[in-house]
Amino acid sequence: MRSGGWKPFWAALFASLLVLVPLVGGKTTDQLTVLLCVSGEQPGFVLAYLNASQNCVHLLSVPAVLTVPFAEEETSLARCYAVAGPARCREALAQVLALPEGTRYLAF
């Protein structure tokens, strides 16, 4: 059964895009990559790549079960987030994915 109304994850994603898109909208050379983290029973992760020169936004959903390096072992991204927070998730993802050096994070 489908329930009506906004889900917290999508509401947080769109709210963050409303804040982030104007930050790069005025400069044609700016690019910004942001890891959006939404906590809850099942945390959600989205990489948002904003490119003002191409006038586009790319979104990539990152599975919470993705295995990342953490504390000299490997664990899921969701566990990394629960134990160490969004900054550590960004560092762990940078080791797995080729994220730009200036990748930021935004947690809800």
N, C-alpha and C. Protein backbone atom coordinates (compact mmCIF):
# COMPACT_ATOMS: atom_id res chain seq x y z
N MET A 1 0.84 -1.17 0.00
CA MET A 1 0.00 0.00 0.00
C MET A 1 0.89 1.24 0.00
N ARG A 2 0.54 2.21 -0.77
CA ARG A 2 1.31 3.45 -0.86
C ARG A 2 0.70 4.49 0.06
N SER A 3 1.57 5.10 0.88
CA SER A 3 1.07 6.13 1.79
C SER A 3 1.30 7.50 1.18
N GLY A 4 0.44 8.44 1.47
CA GLY A 4 0.57 9.79 0.94
C GLY A 4 1.51 10.63 1.78
N GLY A 5 1.87 11.76 1.25
CA GLY A 5 2.71 12.69 1.98
C GLY A 5 4.19 12.51 1.69
N TRP A 6 4.98 13.43 2.19
CA TRP A 6 6.42 13.43 1.97
C TRP A 6 7.11 12.46 2.92
N LYS A 7 8.04 11.74 2.39
CA LYS A 7 8.92 10.92 3.22
C LYS A 7 10.02 11.84 3.74
N PRO A 8 10.50 11.66 4.95
CA PRO A 8 11.53 12.53 5.51
C PRO A 8 12.80 12.59 4.66
N PHE A 9 13.21 11.48 4.07
CA PHE A 9 14.42 11.47 3.26
C PHE A 9 14.31 12.41 2.08
N TRP A 10 13.21 12.31 1.32
CA TRP A 10 13.05 13.13 0.13
C TRP A 10 12.83 14.60 0.50
N ALA A 11 12.13 14.85 1.58
CA ALA A 11 11.94 16.23 2.02
C ALA A 11 13.27 16.85 2.39
N ALA A 12 14.12 16.10 3.10
CA ALA A 12 15.44 16.61 3.48
C ALA A 12 16.32 16.81 2.25
N LEU A 13 16.24 15.90 1.29
CA LEU A 13 17.04 16.03 0.07
C LEU A 13 16.66 17.29 -0.69
N PHE A 14 15.39 17.50 -0.92
CA PHE A 14 14.96 18.68 -1.66
C PHE A 14 15.25 19.96 -0.91
N ALA A 15 15.12 19.95 0.41
CA ALA A 15 15.44 21.14 1.21
C ALA A 15 16.92 21.48 1.09
N SER A 16 17.76 20.47 1.12
CA SER A 16 19.20 20.74 1.00
C SER A 16 19.55 21.24 -0.38
N LEU A 17 18.90 20.73 -1.41
CA LEU A 17 19.17 21.22 -2.76
C LEU A 17 18.73 22.67 -2.93
N LEU A 18 17.66 23.03 -2.26
CA LEU A 18 17.22 24.43 -2.33
C LEU A 18 18.26 25.37 -1.72
N VAL A 19 19.01 24.88 -0.75
CA VAL A 19 20.06 25.68 -0.13
C VAL A 19 21.34 25.64 -0.94
N LEU A 20 21.71 24.47 -1.46
CA LEU A 20 23.00 24.29 -2.12
C LEU A 20 23.05 24.82 -3.54
N VAL A 21 21.98 24.68 -4.30
CA VAL A 21 22.01 25.09 -5.71
C VAL A 21 22.30 26.57 -5.87
N PRO A 22 21.71 27.47 -5.10
CA PRO A 22 22.07 28.88 -5.27
C PRO A 22 23.52 29.20 -4.92
N LEU A 23 24.15 28.38 -4.10
CA LEU A 23 25.55 28.64 -3.75
C LEU A 23 26.47 28.55 -4.96
N VAL A 24 26.16 27.70 -5.90
CA VAL A 24 27.01 27.55 -7.08
C VAL A 24 26.37 28.15 -8.32
N GLY A 25 25.16 28.61 -8.23
CA GLY A 25 24.46 29.12 -9.40
C GLY A 25 25.06 30.37 -10.01
N GLY A 26 25.74 31.19 -9.22
CA GLY A 26 26.25 32.44 -9.75
C GLY A 26 27.64 32.35 -10.32
N LYS A 27 28.35 31.27 -10.15
CA LYS A 27 29.73 31.14 -10.63
C LYS A 27 29.80 30.02 -11.64
N THR A 28 30.32 30.31 -12.82
CA THR A 28 30.33 29.30 -13.88
C THR A 28 31.43 28.27 -13.71
N THR A 29 32.42 28.52 -12.88
CA THR A 29 33.51 27.56 -12.72
C THR A 29 33.33 26.66 -11.51
N ASP A 30 32.32 26.89 -10.73
CA ASP A 30 32.14 26.13 -9.49
C ASP A 30 31.52 24.76 -9.73
N GLN A 31 32.05 23.80 -9.00
CA GLN A 31 31.49 22.46 -8.92
C GLN A 31 31.48 22.09 -7.45
N LEU A 32 30.49 21.37 -7.04
CA LEU A 32 30.37 21.01 -5.63
C LEU A 32 29.83 19.60 -5.53
N THR A 33 30.47 18.78 -4.72
CA THR A 33 29.98 17.43 -4.43
C THR A 33 29.65 17.36 -2.95
N VAL A 34 28.45 16.88 -2.65
CA VAL A 34 27.98 16.82 -1.27
C VAL A 34 27.43 15.43 -0.99
N LEU A 35 27.83 14.86 0.14
CA LEU A 35 27.23 13.61 0.63
C LEU A 35 26.09 13.99 1.55
N LEU A 36 24.88 13.64 1.17
CA LEU A 36 23.69 13.92 1.98
C LEU A 36 23.37 12.68 2.79
N CYS A 37 23.31 12.84 4.11
CA CYS A 37 23.03 11.72 5.02
C CYS A 37 21.75 12.00 5.79
N VAL A 38 20.85 11.04 5.78
CA VAL A 38 19.60 11.17 6.52
C VAL A 38 19.55 10.03 7.52
N SER A 39 19.50 10.38 8.80
CA SER A 39 19.49 9.34 9.83
C SER A 39 18.07 8.84 10.06
N GLY A 40 17.99 7.77 10.77
CA GLY A 40 16.70 7.16 11.09
C GLY A 40 16.92 5.68 11.33
N GLU A 41 15.84 4.93 11.34
CA GLU A 41 15.97 3.48 11.51
C GLU A 41 16.84 2.89 10.41
N GLN A 42 16.64 3.37 9.19
CA GLN A 42 17.45 2.95 8.05
C GLN A 42 18.04 4.22 7.44
N PRO A 43 19.31 4.52 7.71
CA PRO A 43 19.89 5.74 7.18
C PRO A 43 19.95 5.71 5.65
N GLY A 44 19.86 6.89 5.05
CA GLY A 44 19.93 7.02 3.61
C GLY A 44 21.09 7.90 3.21
N PHE A 45 21.69 7.62 2.04
CA PHE A 45 22.85 8.35 1.58
C PHE A 45 22.68 8.70 0.10
N VAL A 46 22.95 9.95 -0.24
CA VAL A 46 22.89 10.41 -1.63
C VAL A 46 24.09 11.31 -1.88
N LEU A 47 24.78 11.06 -2.98
CA LEU A 47 25.84 11.97 -3.43
C LEU A 47 25.22 12.93 -4.42
N ALA A 48 25.36 14.22 -4.17
CA ALA A 48 24.85 15.26 -5.06
C ALA A 48 26.03 15.99 -5.67
N TYR A 49 26.09 16.02 -7.00
CA TYR A 49 27.15 16.71 -7.72
C TYR A 49 26.51 17.88 -8.46
N LEU A 50 26.89 19.09 -8.06
CA LEU A 50 26.35 20.29 -8.65
C LEU A 50 27.42 20.92 -9.55
N ASN A 51 27.07 21.18 -10.80
CA ASN A 51 28.00 21.75 -11.75
C ASN A 51 27.35 22.98 -12.39
N ALA A 52 27.82 24.16 -11.99
CA ALA A 52 27.22 25.40 -12.47
C ALA A 52 27.51 25.64 -13.95
N SER A 53 28.72 25.27 -14.42
CA SER A 53 29.05 25.53 -15.82
C SER A 53 28.20 24.70 -16.77
N GLN A 54 27.79 23.52 -16.35
CA GLN A 54 26.91 22.69 -17.17
C GLN A 54 25.44 22.87 -16.80
N ASN A 55 25.19 23.66 -15.76
CA ASN A 55 23.84 23.93 -15.28
C ASN A 55 23.09 22.63 -14.99
N CYS A 56 23.74 21.75 -14.18
CA CYS A 56 23.11 20.46 -13.90
C CYS A 56 23.40 20.01 -12.48
N VAL A 57 22.56 19.09 -12.05
CA VAL A 57 22.71 18.44 -10.75
C VAL A 57 22.60 16.94 -11.00
N HIS A 58 23.58 16.17 -10.54
CA HIS A 58 23.54 14.72 -10.66
C HIS A 58 23.37 14.15 -9.25
N LEU A 59 22.50 13.18 -9.11
CA LEU A 59 22.26 12.53 -7.83
C LEU A 59 22.57 11.04 -7.95
N LEU A 60 23.27 10.52 -6.97
CA LEU A 60 23.60 9.10 -6.93
C LEU A 60 23.22 8.56 -5.57
N SER A 61 22.29 7.62 -5.55
CA SER A 61 21.92 6.97 -4.30
C SER A 61 23.00 5.97 -3.94
N VAL A 62 23.51 6.06 -2.71
CA VAL A 62 24.55 5.16 -2.23
C VAL A 62 23.91 4.18 -1.25
N PRO A 63 24.01 2.87 -1.52
CA PRO A 63 23.37 1.89 -0.63
C PRO A 63 24.00 1.89 0.76
N ALA A 64 23.17 1.80 1.76
CA ALA A 64 23.65 1.79 3.15
C ALA A 64 24.46 0.54 3.46
N VAL A 65 24.31 -0.51 2.66
CA VAL A 65 25.04 -1.75 2.89
C VAL A 65 26.40 -1.77 2.17
N LEU A 66 26.74 -0.68 1.49
CA LEU A 66 28.03 -0.60 0.81
C LEU A 66 29.16 -0.80 1.82
N THR A 67 30.10 -1.66 1.50
CA THR A 67 31.22 -1.95 2.40
C THR A 67 32.29 -0.88 2.24
N VAL A 68 32.69 -0.28 3.37
CA VAL A 68 33.71 0.77 3.38
C VAL A 68 34.76 0.44 4.44
N PRO A 69 36.00 0.94 4.28
CA PRO A 69 37.00 0.73 5.31
C PRO A 69 36.68 1.56 6.55
N PHE A 70 36.82 0.91 7.72
CA PHE A 70 36.51 1.60 8.97
C PHE A 70 37.27 0.91 10.10
N ALA A 71 38.08 1.66 10.82
CA ALA A 71 38.82 1.18 11.99
C ALA A 71 39.62 -0.10 11.67
N GLU A 72 40.39 -0.02 10.63
CA GLU A 72 41.27 -1.12 10.21
C GLU A 72 40.52 -2.40 9.85
N GLU A 73 39.26 -2.29 9.52
CA GLU A 73 38.47 -3.41 9.02
C GLU A 73 37.49 -2.85 8.02
N GLU A 74 36.53 -3.63 7.60
CA GLU A 74 35.50 -3.15 6.69
C GLU A 74 34.14 -3.35 7.32
N THR A 75 33.25 -2.41 7.07
CA THR A 75 31.90 -2.47 7.61
C THR A 75 30.95 -1.77 6.64
N SER A 76 29.67 -1.81 6.93
CA SER A 76 28.69 -1.15 6.05
C SER A 76 28.72 0.36 6.29
N LEU A 77 28.30 1.09 5.29
CA LEU A 77 28.24 2.54 5.40
C LEU A 77 27.28 2.97 6.51
N ALA A 78 26.19 2.24 6.67
CA ALA A 78 25.21 2.55 7.73
C ALA A 78 25.84 2.42 9.11
N ARG A 79 26.63 1.37 9.32
CA ARG A 79 27.27 1.19 10.63
C ARG A 79 28.33 2.27 10.86
N CYS A 80 29.08 2.60 9.82
CA CYS A 80 30.08 3.67 9.92
C CYS A 80 29.41 4.98 10.33
N TYR A 81 28.26 5.26 9.74
CA TYR A 81 27.51 6.48 10.06
C TYR A 81 27.02 6.45 11.51
N ALA A 82 26.49 5.31 11.94
CA ALA A 82 25.96 5.19 13.30
C ALA A 82 27.06 5.34 14.35
N VAL A 83 28.23 4.81 14.07
CA VAL A 83 29.32 4.82 15.04
C VAL A 83 30.12 6.11 15.02
N ALA A 84 30.42 6.62 13.81
CA ALA A 84 31.36 7.74 13.71
C ALA A 84 30.80 9.01 13.10
N GLY A 85 29.62 8.98 12.49
CA GLY A 85 29.02 10.18 11.96
C GLY A 85 29.31 10.44 10.49
N PRO A 86 28.73 11.54 9.96
CA PRO A 86 28.81 11.80 8.53
C PRO A 86 30.20 12.15 8.01
N ALA A 87 31.02 12.82 8.81
CA ALA A 87 32.37 13.18 8.34
C ALA A 87 33.19 11.93 8.07
N ARG A 88 33.08 10.94 8.93
CA ARG A 88 33.82 9.69 8.74
C ARG A 88 33.27 8.91 7.54
N CYS A 89 31.96 8.99 7.32
CA CYS A 89 31.37 8.35 6.14
C CYS A 89 31.93 8.96 4.86
N ARG A 90 32.06 10.26 4.84
CA ARG A 90 32.63 10.93 3.66
C ARG A 90 34.06 10.45 3.42
N GLU A 91 34.86 10.34 4.48
CA GLU A 91 36.25 9.86 4.34
C GLU A 91 36.27 8.41 3.85
N ALA A 92 35.40 7.58 4.38
CA ALA A 92 35.36 6.17 3.98
C ALA A 92 34.93 6.04 2.52
N LEU A 93 33.94 6.82 2.11
CA LEU A 93 33.49 6.77 0.72
C LEU A 93 34.57 7.27 -0.23
N ALA A 94 35.36 8.24 0.20
CA ALA A 94 36.44 8.76 -0.64
C ALA A 94 37.49 7.68 -0.91
N GLN A 95 37.60 6.72 -0.02
CA GLN A 95 38.54 5.62 -0.23
C GLN A 95 37.98 4.57 -1.19
N VAL A 96 36.65 4.49 -1.28
CA VAL A 96 36.01 3.51 -2.15
C VAL A 96 35.68 4.10 -3.51
N LEU A 97 35.16 5.31 -3.53
CA LEU A 97 34.78 5.99 -4.76
C LEU A 97 35.77 7.12 -5.04
N ALA A 98 35.87 7.52 -6.27
CA ALA A 98 36.78 8.63 -6.63
C ALA A 98 36.05 9.96 -6.43
N LEU A 99 35.90 10.36 -5.17
CA LEU A 99 35.23 11.62 -4.85
C LEU A 99 36.20 12.78 -5.02
N PRO A 100 35.71 13.94 -5.45
CA PRO A 100 36.58 15.12 -5.51
C PRO A 100 37.12 15.47 -4.13
N GLU A 101 38.25 16.12 -4.11
CA GLU A 101 38.92 16.43 -2.84
C GLU A 101 38.09 17.32 -1.92
N GLY A 102 37.34 18.23 -2.47
CA GLY A 102 36.55 19.16 -1.66
C GLY A 102 35.16 18.69 -1.34
N THR A 103 34.90 17.39 -1.35
CA THR A 103 33.56 16.87 -1.07
C THR A 103 33.14 17.25 0.34
N ARG A 104 31.93 17.77 0.45
CA ARG A 104 31.37 18.17 1.74
C ARG A 104 30.29 17.17 2.14
N TYR A 105 29.76 17.34 3.34
CA TYR A 105 28.67 16.49 3.78
C TYR A 105 27.60 17.33 4.43
N LEU A 106 26.38 16.84 4.40
CA LEU A 106 25.24 17.50 5.02
C LEU A 106 24.40 16.39 5.64
N ALA A 107 24.16 16.47 6.95
CA ALA A 107 23.42 15.44 7.65
C ALA A 107 22.12 16.00 8.20
N PHE A 108 21.07 15.20 8.11
CA PHE A 108 19.76 15.57 8.64
C PHE A 108 19.35 14.58 9.69
